[in-house]
Amino acid sequence: MIKAVLFDMNGVIIDDEHLHEMAFRETVKPFGIDLTHQLYLECCAGKTDRDGYESIPESFSVELPIDKLLAEKNRRYAELFPENKKSYDGVLELIESLSKNFTLALTSSSSRAEVDLITNELDVRRFFKITISANEVNKGKPHPEPYLTTAKLLKLKPEKCVAIEDSRSGVSSAKAAGCYCIGVTTTHEEEDLGEADLVVSSFSEIDEEVINKINK
């Protein structure tokens, strides 16, 4: 029986992937890098910012000052977020509804500062027993560590957890950890979420009944 639902944050709770893409693009532009949308999806989406910056140079003959770029990217995102904060339709209602009968946690690739900013701004922190950010793990998604860490802190086996993810790296992380995974096509196409056990196009397709049918 499923005991916990683990939410990704960016691209699942908050509709901000375009803000991250903009901040990444602006910070690497001075180095002669044209970060196209496709390259952003391949190198950065669903990963920690550090992993994203480390992946970008693989397509260009350039060495990036990653620590400096991380600070600049965080600053730029913080500037963009207040005027552009928007949750996905139905997700806040889903979180509140599921919190009545399941333990909820947040498993994000974002920094601790960003996780705290977004969960406080959207007033959802109170629904999550724990929140995991990039700061709490050594290896980010698609490595299973984020979800293994979440399950461990909840004192649950991964197979007792359902992850809700929007990216290929996030789905891979959840499945590698042993979690059941629901993919939602907010930022990626269905074929990109092929490893997920179930793929939906909106949060209205997820409810307590859907969760309870898992492993029955």
N, C-alpha and C. Protein backbone atom coordinates (compact mmCIF):
# COMPACT_ATOMS: atom_id res chain seq x y z
N MET A 1 0.84 -1.20 0.00
CA MET A 1 0.00 0.00 0.00
C MET A 1 0.88 1.26 0.00
N ILE A 2 0.49 2.21 -0.82
CA ILE A 2 1.24 3.47 -0.91
C ILE A 2 1.00 4.30 0.35
N LYS A 3 2.09 4.81 0.91
CA LYS A 3 2.01 5.60 2.13
C LYS A 3 2.32 7.08 1.90
N ALA A 4 3.12 7.37 0.85
CA ALA A 4 3.58 8.75 0.66
C ALA A 4 3.56 9.15 -0.80
N VAL A 5 3.33 10.43 -1.04
CA VAL A 5 3.40 11.01 -2.38
C VAL A 5 4.50 12.06 -2.36
N LEU A 6 5.45 11.90 -3.28
CA LEU A 6 6.62 12.77 -3.34
C LEU A 6 6.53 13.67 -4.57
N PHE A 7 6.43 14.94 -4.36
CA PHE A 7 6.28 15.90 -5.45
C PHE A 7 7.64 16.48 -5.85
N ASP A 8 7.90 16.51 -7.16
CA ASP A 8 8.95 17.37 -7.68
C ASP A 8 8.41 18.80 -7.55
N MET A 9 9.25 19.80 -7.72
CA MET A 9 8.78 21.17 -7.55
C MET A 9 8.69 21.93 -8.88
N ASN A 10 9.83 22.21 -9.51
CA ASN A 10 9.84 22.99 -10.75
C ASN A 10 9.25 22.15 -11.88
N GLY A 11 8.22 22.68 -12.53
CA GLY A 11 7.59 21.94 -13.61
C GLY A 11 6.47 21.03 -13.13
N VAL A 12 6.31 20.92 -11.81
CA VAL A 12 5.21 20.13 -11.24
C VAL A 12 4.32 21.04 -10.39
N ILE A 13 4.91 21.68 -9.41
CA ILE A 13 4.13 22.59 -8.57
C ILE A 13 4.16 24.00 -9.15
N ILE A 14 5.34 24.45 -9.50
CA ILE A 14 5.50 25.82 -10.00
C ILE A 14 5.80 25.84 -11.49
N ASP A 15 5.07 26.66 -12.21
CA ASP A 15 5.26 26.81 -13.66
C ASP A 15 6.35 27.85 -13.89
N ASP A 16 7.61 27.41 -13.73
CA ASP A 16 8.72 28.36 -13.82
C ASP A 16 9.87 27.88 -14.69
N GLU A 17 9.63 26.82 -15.46
CA GLU A 17 10.73 26.30 -16.27
C GLU A 17 11.26 27.36 -17.22
N HIS A 18 10.37 28.22 -17.72
CA HIS A 18 10.79 29.28 -18.63
C HIS A 18 11.69 30.30 -17.92
N LEU A 19 11.48 30.49 -16.62
CA LEU A 19 12.33 31.42 -15.86
C LEU A 19 13.74 30.84 -15.69
N HIS A 20 13.81 29.55 -15.41
CA HIS A 20 15.12 28.90 -15.30
C HIS A 20 15.85 28.94 -16.64
N GLU A 21 15.11 28.65 -17.70
CA GLU A 21 15.72 28.66 -19.03
C GLU A 21 16.25 30.05 -19.36
N MET A 22 15.48 31.07 -19.04
CA MET A 22 15.91 32.45 -19.31
C MET A 22 17.17 32.79 -18.51
N ALA A 23 17.18 32.40 -17.23
CA ALA A 23 18.32 32.71 -16.37
C ALA A 23 19.57 31.96 -16.83
N PHE A 24 19.42 30.70 -17.20
CA PHE A 24 20.55 29.93 -17.73
C PHE A 24 21.08 30.59 -19.00
N ARG A 25 20.16 30.94 -19.91
CA ARG A 25 20.56 31.49 -21.21
C ARG A 25 21.31 32.81 -21.02
N GLU A 26 20.81 33.67 -20.15
CA GLU A 26 21.44 34.97 -19.93
C GLU A 26 22.83 34.84 -19.32
N THR A 27 23.01 33.86 -18.43
CA THR A 27 24.30 33.74 -17.74
C THR A 27 25.39 33.13 -18.60
N VAL A 28 25.03 32.31 -19.59
CA VAL A 28 26.07 31.70 -20.43
C VAL A 28 26.30 32.48 -21.72
N LYS A 29 25.42 33.41 -22.05
CA LYS A 29 25.56 34.18 -23.28
C LYS A 29 26.89 34.92 -23.38
N PRO A 30 27.40 35.53 -22.29
CA PRO A 30 28.69 36.23 -22.38
C PRO A 30 29.86 35.33 -22.76
N PHE A 31 29.66 34.02 -22.68
CA PHE A 31 30.72 33.07 -23.02
C PHE A 31 30.56 32.53 -24.44
N GLY A 32 29.70 33.20 -25.22
CA GLY A 32 29.51 32.82 -26.61
C GLY A 32 28.63 31.60 -26.80
N ILE A 33 27.85 31.26 -25.79
CA ILE A 33 26.99 30.08 -25.86
C ILE A 33 25.56 30.49 -26.15
N ASP A 34 25.02 29.95 -27.23
CA ASP A 34 23.62 30.17 -27.57
C ASP A 34 22.83 28.97 -27.04
N LEU A 35 22.25 29.13 -25.87
CA LEU A 35 21.52 28.03 -25.24
C LEU A 35 20.12 27.95 -25.83
N THR A 36 19.96 27.10 -26.83
CA THR A 36 18.66 26.92 -27.46
C THR A 36 17.72 26.18 -26.51
N HIS A 37 16.44 26.20 -26.84
CA HIS A 37 15.46 25.50 -26.00
C HIS A 37 15.77 24.01 -25.93
N GLN A 38 16.12 23.42 -27.07
CA GLN A 38 16.42 21.99 -27.09
C GLN A 38 17.65 21.67 -26.25
N LEU A 39 18.67 22.51 -26.34
CA LEU A 39 19.88 22.29 -25.55
C LEU A 39 19.59 22.44 -24.06
N TYR A 40 18.73 23.38 -23.72
CA TYR A 40 18.34 23.55 -22.33
C TYR A 40 17.67 22.29 -21.81
N LEU A 41 16.74 21.73 -22.60
CA LEU A 41 16.05 20.51 -22.18
C LEU A 41 17.02 19.36 -21.99
N GLU A 42 18.00 19.26 -22.89
CA GLU A 42 18.96 18.15 -22.84
C GLU A 42 19.95 18.30 -21.68
N CYS A 43 20.39 19.52 -21.43
CA CYS A 43 21.47 19.73 -20.45
C CYS A 43 21.01 20.13 -19.06
N CYS A 44 19.88 20.83 -18.96
CA CYS A 44 19.55 21.48 -17.70
C CYS A 44 18.24 21.05 -17.05
N ALA A 45 17.22 20.80 -17.84
CA ALA A 45 15.89 20.54 -17.29
C ALA A 45 15.88 19.33 -16.37
N GLY A 46 15.33 19.52 -15.18
CA GLY A 46 15.20 18.42 -14.23
C GLY A 46 16.45 18.11 -13.45
N LYS A 47 17.53 18.84 -13.69
CA LYS A 47 18.80 18.60 -13.01
C LYS A 47 19.10 19.72 -12.03
N THR A 48 20.11 19.51 -11.19
CA THR A 48 20.56 20.62 -10.35
C THR A 48 21.20 21.66 -11.25
N ASP A 49 21.26 22.90 -10.79
CA ASP A 49 21.89 23.96 -11.58
C ASP A 49 23.35 23.62 -11.86
N ARG A 50 24.04 23.08 -10.87
CA ARG A 50 25.45 22.73 -11.07
C ARG A 50 25.61 21.68 -12.17
N ASP A 51 24.77 20.65 -12.12
CA ASP A 51 24.85 19.61 -13.15
C ASP A 51 24.52 20.19 -14.52
N GLY A 52 23.60 21.15 -14.56
CA GLY A 52 23.26 21.79 -15.83
C GLY A 52 24.44 22.54 -16.40
N TYR A 53 25.08 23.36 -15.58
CA TYR A 53 26.25 24.12 -16.05
C TYR A 53 27.41 23.20 -16.42
N GLU A 54 27.53 22.08 -15.75
CA GLU A 54 28.61 21.14 -16.10
C GLU A 54 28.32 20.41 -17.40
N SER A 55 27.04 20.27 -17.76
CA SER A 55 26.66 19.58 -19.00
C SER A 55 26.78 20.46 -20.23
N ILE A 56 26.53 21.76 -20.07
CA ILE A 56 26.53 22.68 -21.22
C ILE A 56 27.86 22.68 -21.98
N PRO A 57 29.03 22.75 -21.31
CA PRO A 57 30.29 22.82 -22.06
C PRO A 57 30.58 21.61 -22.93
N GLU A 58 29.86 20.50 -22.70
CA GLU A 58 30.07 19.31 -23.52
C GLU A 58 29.73 19.59 -24.98
N SER A 59 28.92 20.61 -25.23
CA SER A 59 28.53 20.97 -26.60
C SER A 59 29.33 22.16 -27.13
N PHE A 60 30.19 22.73 -26.28
CA PHE A 60 30.97 23.90 -26.68
C PHE A 60 32.40 23.78 -26.15
N SER A 61 33.32 24.36 -26.87
CA SER A 61 34.73 24.35 -26.44
C SER A 61 34.99 25.54 -25.53
N VAL A 62 34.44 25.47 -24.32
CA VAL A 62 34.58 26.58 -23.39
C VAL A 62 34.55 26.04 -21.96
N GLU A 63 35.30 26.68 -21.09
CA GLU A 63 35.29 26.33 -19.67
C GLU A 63 34.52 27.40 -18.93
N LEU A 64 33.56 26.98 -18.13
CA LEU A 64 32.69 27.94 -17.44
C LEU A 64 33.06 28.07 -15.96
N PRO A 65 33.03 29.30 -15.42
CA PRO A 65 33.25 29.52 -13.98
C PRO A 65 31.97 29.18 -13.23
N ILE A 66 31.78 27.91 -12.94
CA ILE A 66 30.48 27.42 -12.48
C ILE A 66 30.01 28.07 -11.19
N ASP A 67 30.88 28.20 -10.20
CA ASP A 67 30.44 28.80 -8.94
C ASP A 67 29.93 30.23 -9.14
N LYS A 68 30.62 30.97 -9.98
CA LYS A 68 30.20 32.35 -10.28
C LYS A 68 28.85 32.35 -11.00
N LEU A 69 28.69 31.43 -11.94
CA LEU A 69 27.44 31.37 -12.70
C LEU A 69 26.28 30.93 -11.81
N LEU A 70 26.53 30.04 -10.87
CA LEU A 70 25.47 29.61 -9.96
C LEU A 70 24.94 30.79 -9.15
N ALA A 71 25.84 31.62 -8.66
CA ALA A 71 25.43 32.79 -7.88
C ALA A 71 24.65 33.77 -8.75
N GLU A 72 25.12 33.98 -9.98
CA GLU A 72 24.47 34.91 -10.89
C GLU A 72 23.10 34.38 -11.31
N LYS A 73 23.03 33.09 -11.55
CA LYS A 73 21.75 32.49 -11.96
C LYS A 73 20.73 32.58 -10.84
N ASN A 74 21.14 32.31 -9.60
CA ASN A 74 20.24 32.42 -8.45
C ASN A 74 19.74 33.85 -8.28
N ARG A 75 20.63 34.81 -8.48
CA ARG A 75 20.25 36.22 -8.36
C ARG A 75 19.22 36.58 -9.42
N ARG A 76 19.48 36.14 -10.66
CA ARG A 76 18.57 36.47 -11.76
C ARG A 76 17.21 35.81 -11.58
N TYR A 77 17.21 34.56 -11.14
CA TYR A 77 15.94 33.87 -10.91
C TYR A 77 15.13 34.59 -9.83
N ALA A 78 15.80 34.99 -8.76
CA ALA A 78 15.12 35.69 -7.67
C ALA A 78 14.51 37.00 -8.14
N GLU A 79 15.11 37.63 -9.15
CA GLU A 79 14.56 38.85 -9.72
C GLU A 79 13.32 38.55 -10.56
N LEU A 80 13.36 37.47 -11.30
CA LEU A 80 12.27 37.13 -12.22
C LEU A 80 11.05 36.55 -11.51
N PHE A 81 11.28 35.80 -10.44
CA PHE A 81 10.21 35.02 -9.81
C PHE A 81 9.04 35.83 -9.27
N PRO A 82 9.25 36.90 -8.50
CA PRO A 82 8.12 37.58 -7.87
C PRO A 82 7.03 38.04 -8.83
N GLU A 83 7.41 38.44 -10.03
CA GLU A 83 6.43 38.94 -10.99
C GLU A 83 5.91 37.83 -11.91
N ASN A 84 6.42 36.62 -11.73
CA ASN A 84 6.05 35.54 -12.65
C ASN A 84 5.65 34.25 -11.93
N LYS A 85 5.38 34.33 -10.63
CA LYS A 85 5.07 33.10 -9.89
C LYS A 85 3.68 32.59 -10.27
N LYS A 86 3.64 31.33 -10.67
CA LYS A 86 2.39 30.75 -11.14
C LYS A 86 2.44 29.24 -10.94
N SER A 87 1.48 28.73 -10.22
CA SER A 87 1.39 27.28 -10.03
C SER A 87 0.56 26.69 -11.17
N TYR A 88 0.72 25.40 -11.38
CA TYR A 88 -0.06 24.72 -12.41
C TYR A 88 -1.50 24.53 -11.95
N ASP A 89 -2.42 24.58 -12.89
CA ASP A 89 -3.84 24.42 -12.58
C ASP A 89 -4.10 23.11 -11.84
N GLY A 90 -4.71 23.22 -10.70
CA GLY A 90 -5.14 22.04 -9.95
C GLY A 90 -4.13 21.44 -9.01
N VAL A 91 -2.86 21.85 -9.11
CA VAL A 91 -1.84 21.17 -8.29
C VAL A 91 -1.94 21.54 -6.81
N LEU A 92 -2.26 22.79 -6.50
CA LEU A 92 -2.36 23.18 -5.10
C LEU A 92 -3.54 22.48 -4.43
N GLU A 93 -4.62 22.34 -5.17
CA GLU A 93 -5.78 21.62 -4.66
C GLU A 93 -5.45 20.14 -4.46
N LEU A 94 -4.67 19.58 -5.39
CA LEU A 94 -4.27 18.18 -5.28
C LEU A 94 -3.40 17.96 -4.04
N ILE A 95 -2.46 18.86 -3.81
CA ILE A 95 -1.58 18.75 -2.64
C ILE A 95 -2.40 18.76 -1.36
N GLU A 96 -3.32 19.70 -1.25
CA GLU A 96 -4.14 19.79 -0.04
C GLU A 96 -5.01 18.55 0.14
N SER A 97 -5.58 18.06 -0.96
CA SER A 97 -6.44 16.89 -0.90
C SER A 97 -5.67 15.64 -0.48
N LEU A 98 -4.52 15.40 -1.12
CA LEU A 98 -3.74 14.19 -0.81
C LEU A 98 -3.14 14.24 0.59
N SER A 99 -2.91 15.43 1.11
CA SER A 99 -2.29 15.56 2.43
C SER A 99 -3.18 15.01 3.54
N LYS A 100 -4.46 14.83 3.26
CA LYS A 100 -5.38 14.34 4.28
C LYS A 100 -5.17 12.86 4.59
N ASN A 101 -4.71 12.10 3.59
CA ASN A 101 -4.58 10.65 3.79
C ASN A 101 -3.23 10.07 3.42
N PHE A 102 -2.31 10.90 2.94
CA PHE A 102 -0.97 10.45 2.60
C PHE A 102 0.06 11.38 3.23
N THR A 103 1.23 10.83 3.50
CA THR A 103 2.35 11.68 3.88
C THR A 103 2.90 12.31 2.61
N LEU A 104 3.12 13.61 2.62
CA LEU A 104 3.64 14.29 1.44
C LEU A 104 5.06 14.77 1.70
N ALA A 105 5.88 14.73 0.65
CA ALA A 105 7.24 15.26 0.71
C ALA A 105 7.54 15.93 -0.62
N LEU A 106 8.52 16.80 -0.60
CA LEU A 106 8.95 17.47 -1.82
C LEU A 106 10.39 17.07 -2.10
N THR A 107 10.65 16.61 -3.33
CA THR A 107 11.99 16.16 -3.72
C THR A 107 12.42 16.95 -4.94
N SER A 108 13.22 17.98 -4.72
CA SER A 108 13.55 18.94 -5.78
C SER A 108 15.03 18.95 -6.13
N SER A 109 15.32 19.33 -7.37
CA SER A 109 16.70 19.53 -7.81
C SER A 109 17.17 20.96 -7.56
N SER A 110 16.28 21.80 -7.09
CA SER A 110 16.62 23.21 -6.87
C SER A 110 17.37 23.41 -5.56
N SER A 111 17.95 24.59 -5.40
CA SER A 111 18.69 24.91 -4.18
C SER A 111 17.74 25.04 -3.00
N ARG A 112 18.30 24.94 -1.79
CA ARG A 112 17.49 25.11 -0.58
C ARG A 112 16.84 26.49 -0.55
N ALA A 113 17.57 27.51 -0.97
CA ALA A 113 17.02 28.86 -0.97
C ALA A 113 15.81 28.95 -1.88
N GLU A 114 15.89 28.30 -3.05
CA GLU A 114 14.78 28.35 -4.00
C GLU A 114 13.59 27.54 -3.51
N VAL A 115 13.85 26.38 -2.94
CA VAL A 115 12.77 25.56 -2.39
C VAL A 115 12.02 26.33 -1.31
N ASP A 116 12.75 26.96 -0.42
CA ASP A 116 12.12 27.72 0.66
C ASP A 116 11.34 28.92 0.11
N LEU A 117 11.91 29.60 -0.88
CA LEU A 117 11.24 30.75 -1.49
C LEU A 117 9.90 30.34 -2.09
N ILE A 118 9.91 29.29 -2.90
CA ILE A 118 8.71 28.89 -3.64
C ILE A 118 7.65 28.29 -2.71
N THR A 119 8.05 27.41 -1.81
CA THR A 119 7.05 26.79 -0.93
C THR A 119 6.42 27.80 0.01
N ASN A 120 7.17 28.80 0.41
CA ASN A 120 6.61 29.85 1.27
C ASN A 120 5.71 30.79 0.48
N GLU A 121 6.15 31.17 -0.73
CA GLU A 121 5.35 32.09 -1.55
C GLU A 121 4.01 31.46 -1.94
N LEU A 122 4.01 30.15 -2.20
CA LEU A 122 2.78 29.46 -2.60
C LEU A 122 2.01 28.92 -1.39
N ASP A 123 2.56 29.09 -0.21
CA ASP A 123 1.93 28.65 1.04
C ASP A 123 1.62 27.15 1.02
N VAL A 124 2.60 26.35 0.62
CA VAL A 124 2.41 24.90 0.60
C VAL A 124 3.38 24.16 1.53
N ARG A 125 4.30 24.90 2.14
CA ARG A 125 5.29 24.23 3.00
C ARG A 125 4.61 23.41 4.09
N ARG A 126 3.50 23.88 4.60
CA ARG A 126 2.81 23.22 5.72
C ARG A 126 2.29 21.83 5.37
N PHE A 127 2.15 21.54 4.06
CA PHE A 127 1.61 20.24 3.65
C PHE A 127 2.69 19.16 3.56
N PHE A 128 3.95 19.56 3.52
CA PHE A 128 5.04 18.59 3.32
C PHE A 128 5.73 18.26 4.64
N LYS A 129 5.83 16.95 4.91
CA LYS A 129 6.53 16.52 6.12
C LYS A 129 8.01 16.88 6.03
N ILE A 130 8.60 16.69 4.84
CA ILE A 130 9.99 17.08 4.60
C ILE A 130 10.11 17.67 3.20
N THR A 131 11.13 18.48 3.01
CA THR A 131 11.48 18.97 1.67
C THR A 131 12.96 18.71 1.45
N ILE A 132 13.28 18.13 0.30
CA ILE A 132 14.66 17.81 -0.06
C ILE A 132 15.08 18.70 -1.23
N SER A 133 16.23 19.35 -1.10
CA SER A 133 16.76 20.20 -2.17
C SER A 133 18.09 19.64 -2.64
N ALA A 134 18.70 20.32 -3.61
CA ALA A 134 20.01 19.90 -4.11
C ALA A 134 21.07 19.97 -3.01
N ASN A 135 20.84 20.81 -2.03
CA ASN A 135 21.82 20.98 -0.94
C ASN A 135 21.91 19.77 -0.03
N GLU A 136 20.87 18.93 -0.03
CA GLU A 136 20.84 17.80 0.90
C GLU A 136 21.34 16.49 0.29
N VAL A 137 21.75 16.51 -0.96
CA VAL A 137 22.23 15.28 -1.61
C VAL A 137 23.57 15.53 -2.28
N ASN A 138 24.32 14.46 -2.48
CA ASN A 138 25.60 14.56 -3.18
C ASN A 138 25.43 14.43 -4.69
N LYS A 139 24.45 13.63 -5.10
CA LYS A 139 24.19 13.41 -6.52
C LYS A 139 22.74 13.74 -6.83
N GLY A 140 22.54 14.58 -7.84
CA GLY A 140 21.18 14.98 -8.20
C GLY A 140 20.55 14.03 -9.20
N LYS A 141 19.30 14.30 -9.53
CA LYS A 141 18.59 13.53 -10.55
C LYS A 141 19.37 13.62 -11.87
N PRO A 142 19.47 12.54 -12.63
CA PRO A 142 18.71 11.28 -12.61
C PRO A 142 19.22 10.22 -11.64
N HIS A 143 20.25 10.52 -10.85
CA HIS A 143 20.70 9.56 -9.85
C HIS A 143 19.56 9.33 -8.84
N PRO A 144 19.43 8.14 -8.31
CA PRO A 144 18.32 7.85 -7.37
C PRO A 144 18.46 8.48 -5.99
N GLU A 145 19.62 9.06 -5.67
CA GLU A 145 19.85 9.55 -4.32
C GLU A 145 18.76 10.49 -3.79
N PRO A 146 18.26 11.46 -4.59
CA PRO A 146 17.22 12.35 -4.03
C PRO A 146 16.01 11.60 -3.50
N TYR A 147 15.53 10.61 -4.25
CA TYR A 147 14.35 9.87 -3.81
C TYR A 147 14.68 8.85 -2.73
N LEU A 148 15.86 8.26 -2.78
CA LEU A 148 16.27 7.36 -1.71
C LEU A 148 16.40 8.12 -0.39
N THR A 149 16.93 9.33 -0.47
CA THR A 149 17.07 10.16 0.73
C THR A 149 15.71 10.54 1.29
N THR A 150 14.79 10.90 0.41
CA THR A 150 13.44 11.26 0.86
C THR A 150 12.77 10.09 1.56
N ALA A 151 12.80 8.92 0.92
CA ALA A 151 12.18 7.73 1.51
C ALA A 151 12.81 7.38 2.86
N LYS A 152 14.13 7.48 2.93
CA LYS A 152 14.83 7.17 4.17
C LYS A 152 14.40 8.09 5.31
N LEU A 153 14.30 9.39 5.01
CA LEU A 153 13.90 10.35 6.03
C LEU A 153 12.45 10.17 6.46
N LEU A 154 11.64 9.65 5.54
CA LEU A 154 10.24 9.35 5.87
C LEU A 154 10.10 8.01 6.58
N LYS A 155 11.21 7.26 6.64
CA LYS A 155 11.23 5.92 7.23
C LYS A 155 10.29 4.98 6.48
N LEU A 156 10.34 5.10 5.15
CA LEU A 156 9.52 4.26 4.28
C LEU A 156 10.40 3.60 3.23
N LYS A 157 9.98 2.44 2.75
CA LYS A 157 10.64 1.83 1.61
C LYS A 157 10.22 2.60 0.36
N PRO A 158 11.11 2.76 -0.63
CA PRO A 158 10.75 3.51 -1.84
C PRO A 158 9.50 2.98 -2.53
N GLU A 159 9.28 1.66 -2.47
CA GLU A 159 8.10 1.10 -3.14
C GLU A 159 6.79 1.50 -2.46
N LYS A 160 6.88 2.12 -1.30
CA LYS A 160 5.69 2.64 -0.63
C LYS A 160 5.42 4.10 -1.00
N CYS A 161 6.21 4.60 -1.96
CA CYS A 161 6.12 6.01 -2.35
C CYS A 161 5.76 6.18 -3.82
N VAL A 162 4.97 7.18 -4.12
CA VAL A 162 4.66 7.58 -5.49
C VAL A 162 5.32 8.93 -5.74
N ALA A 163 6.10 9.03 -6.79
CA ALA A 163 6.72 10.30 -7.18
C ALA A 163 5.92 10.91 -8.32
N ILE A 164 5.77 12.22 -8.31
CA ILE A 164 5.13 12.94 -9.41
C ILE A 164 6.19 13.81 -10.05
N GLU A 165 6.48 13.54 -11.33
CA GLU A 165 7.60 14.16 -12.03
C GLU A 165 7.20 14.68 -13.40
N ASP A 166 8.00 15.62 -13.92
CA ASP A 166 7.71 16.20 -15.24
C ASP A 166 8.84 16.02 -16.24
N SER A 167 10.01 15.55 -15.79
CA SER A 167 11.17 15.47 -16.68
C SER A 167 11.72 14.06 -16.77
N ARG A 168 12.48 13.83 -17.83
CA ARG A 168 13.09 12.52 -18.02
C ARG A 168 14.04 12.19 -16.88
N SER A 169 14.86 13.15 -16.48
CA SER A 169 15.82 12.89 -15.40
C SER A 169 15.10 12.63 -14.08
N GLY A 170 14.01 13.33 -13.85
CA GLY A 170 13.25 13.12 -12.62
C GLY A 170 12.59 11.76 -12.57
N VAL A 171 11.99 11.35 -13.68
CA VAL A 171 11.37 10.03 -13.76
C VAL A 171 12.43 8.94 -13.56
N SER A 172 13.57 9.10 -14.22
CA SER A 172 14.65 8.11 -14.09
C SER A 172 15.12 8.00 -12.65
N SER A 173 15.22 9.13 -11.96
CA SER A 173 15.63 9.14 -10.57
C SER A 173 14.65 8.37 -9.69
N ALA A 174 13.37 8.66 -9.87
CA ALA A 174 12.34 8.01 -9.06
C ALA A 174 12.30 6.51 -9.30
N LYS A 175 12.35 6.10 -10.57
CA LYS A 175 12.28 4.68 -10.90
C LYS A 175 13.53 3.94 -10.43
N ALA A 176 14.70 4.57 -10.56
CA ALA A 176 15.94 3.93 -10.11
C ALA A 176 15.94 3.74 -8.60
N ALA A 177 15.22 4.61 -7.90
CA ALA A 177 15.13 4.49 -6.44
C ALA A 177 14.15 3.41 -6.02
N GLY A 178 13.28 3.01 -6.94
CA GLY A 178 12.29 1.99 -6.62
C GLY A 178 10.90 2.52 -6.35
N CYS A 179 10.69 3.80 -6.64
CA CYS A 179 9.37 4.41 -6.44
C CYS A 179 8.46 4.15 -7.64
N TYR A 180 7.17 4.13 -7.39
CA TYR A 180 6.20 4.22 -8.47
C TYR A 180 6.25 5.67 -8.96
N CYS A 181 6.04 5.89 -10.24
CA CYS A 181 6.17 7.26 -10.75
C CYS A 181 5.04 7.64 -11.69
N ILE A 182 4.46 8.79 -11.44
CA ILE A 182 3.47 9.39 -12.33
C ILE A 182 4.14 10.56 -13.04
N GLY A 183 4.15 10.51 -14.36
CA GLY A 183 4.70 11.60 -15.15
C GLY A 183 3.60 12.54 -15.60
N VAL A 184 3.84 13.83 -15.53
CA VAL A 184 2.86 14.82 -15.98
C VAL A 184 3.49 15.66 -17.08
N THR A 185 2.78 15.82 -18.18
CA THR A 185 3.34 16.45 -19.38
C THR A 185 3.24 17.97 -19.35
N THR A 186 3.76 18.57 -18.30
CA THR A 186 3.76 20.03 -18.20
C THR A 186 4.90 20.65 -18.98
N THR A 187 6.06 20.00 -18.98
CA THR A 187 7.25 20.58 -19.64
C THR A 187 7.84 19.66 -20.70
N HIS A 188 7.48 18.38 -20.68
CA HIS A 188 8.02 17.42 -21.63
C HIS A 188 6.89 16.64 -22.29
N GLU A 189 7.19 16.08 -23.46
CA GLU A 189 6.21 15.26 -24.17
C GLU A 189 6.10 13.88 -23.51
N GLU A 190 5.01 13.20 -23.79
CA GLU A 190 4.76 11.89 -23.18
C GLU A 190 5.89 10.90 -23.46
N GLU A 191 6.43 10.94 -24.69
CA GLU A 191 7.50 10.00 -25.04
C GLU A 191 8.77 10.23 -24.22
N ASP A 192 8.95 11.45 -23.72
CA ASP A 192 10.12 11.74 -22.89
C ASP A 192 9.98 11.17 -21.49
N LEU A 193 8.76 10.81 -21.12
CA LEU A 193 8.48 10.31 -19.77
C LEU A 193 8.19 8.82 -19.81
N GLY A 194 8.75 8.14 -20.79
CA GLY A 194 8.43 6.74 -21.05
C GLY A 194 8.65 5.78 -19.90
N GLU A 195 9.59 6.10 -19.01
CA GLU A 195 9.85 5.22 -17.87
C GLU A 195 8.76 5.29 -16.81
N ALA A 196 7.96 6.33 -16.84
CA ALA A 196 6.93 6.50 -15.81
C ALA A 196 5.90 5.38 -15.89
N ASP A 197 5.33 5.02 -14.75
CA ASP A 197 4.31 3.97 -14.71
C ASP A 197 2.98 4.46 -15.25
N LEU A 198 2.75 5.75 -15.12
CA LEU A 198 1.52 6.38 -15.60
C LEU A 198 1.87 7.78 -16.05
N VAL A 199 1.36 8.20 -17.21
CA VAL A 199 1.59 9.55 -17.70
C VAL A 199 0.24 10.25 -17.85
N VAL A 200 0.13 11.45 -17.29
CA VAL A 200 -1.11 12.22 -17.38
C VAL A 200 -0.80 13.59 -17.97
N SER A 201 -1.83 14.24 -18.46
CA SER A 201 -1.65 15.56 -19.07
C SER A 201 -2.08 16.70 -18.15
N SER A 202 -2.77 16.36 -17.06
CA SER A 202 -3.19 17.40 -16.12
C SER A 202 -3.34 16.80 -14.73
N PHE A 203 -3.32 17.65 -13.73
CA PHE A 203 -3.41 17.18 -12.35
C PHE A 203 -4.81 16.72 -11.99
N SER A 204 -5.79 17.06 -12.81
CA SER A 204 -7.15 16.59 -12.57
C SER A 204 -7.27 15.09 -12.77
N GLU A 205 -6.26 14.49 -13.41
CA GLU A 205 -6.26 13.04 -13.63
C GLU A 205 -5.65 12.27 -12.47
N ILE A 206 -5.18 12.98 -11.46
CA ILE A 206 -4.59 12.34 -10.28
C ILE A 206 -5.47 12.64 -9.07
N ASP A 207 -5.82 11.61 -8.33
CA ASP A 207 -6.56 11.80 -7.08
C ASP A 207 -6.27 10.62 -6.15
N GLU A 208 -6.92 10.61 -5.01
CA GLU A 208 -6.69 9.56 -4.02
C GLU A 208 -7.02 8.18 -4.59
N GLU A 209 -8.06 8.10 -5.39
CA GLU A 209 -8.45 6.81 -5.98
C GLU A 209 -7.36 6.26 -6.89
N VAL A 210 -6.76 7.13 -7.70
CA VAL A 210 -5.67 6.72 -8.59
C VAL A 210 -4.49 6.20 -7.76
N ILE A 211 -4.14 6.92 -6.70
CA ILE A 211 -3.03 6.50 -5.84
C ILE A 211 -3.35 5.16 -5.17
N ASN A 212 -4.56 4.99 -4.70
CA ASN A 212 -4.93 3.77 -3.98
C ASN A 212 -4.98 2.54 -4.88
N LYS A 213 -5.12 2.74 -6.18
CA LYS A 213 -5.14 1.61 -7.11
C LYS A 213 -3.75 1.03 -7.34
N ILE A 214 -2.73 1.78 -6.99
CA ILE A 214 -1.35 1.35 -7.20
C ILE A 214 -1.03 0.16 -6.30
N ASN A 215 -0.39 -0.84 -6.90
CA ASN A 215 0.04 -2.04 -6.18
C ASN A 215 -1.11 -2.88 -5.64
N LYS A 216 -2.29 -2.68 -6.18
CA LYS A 216 -3.41 -3.53 -5.75
C LYS A 216 -3.52 -4.74 -6.66
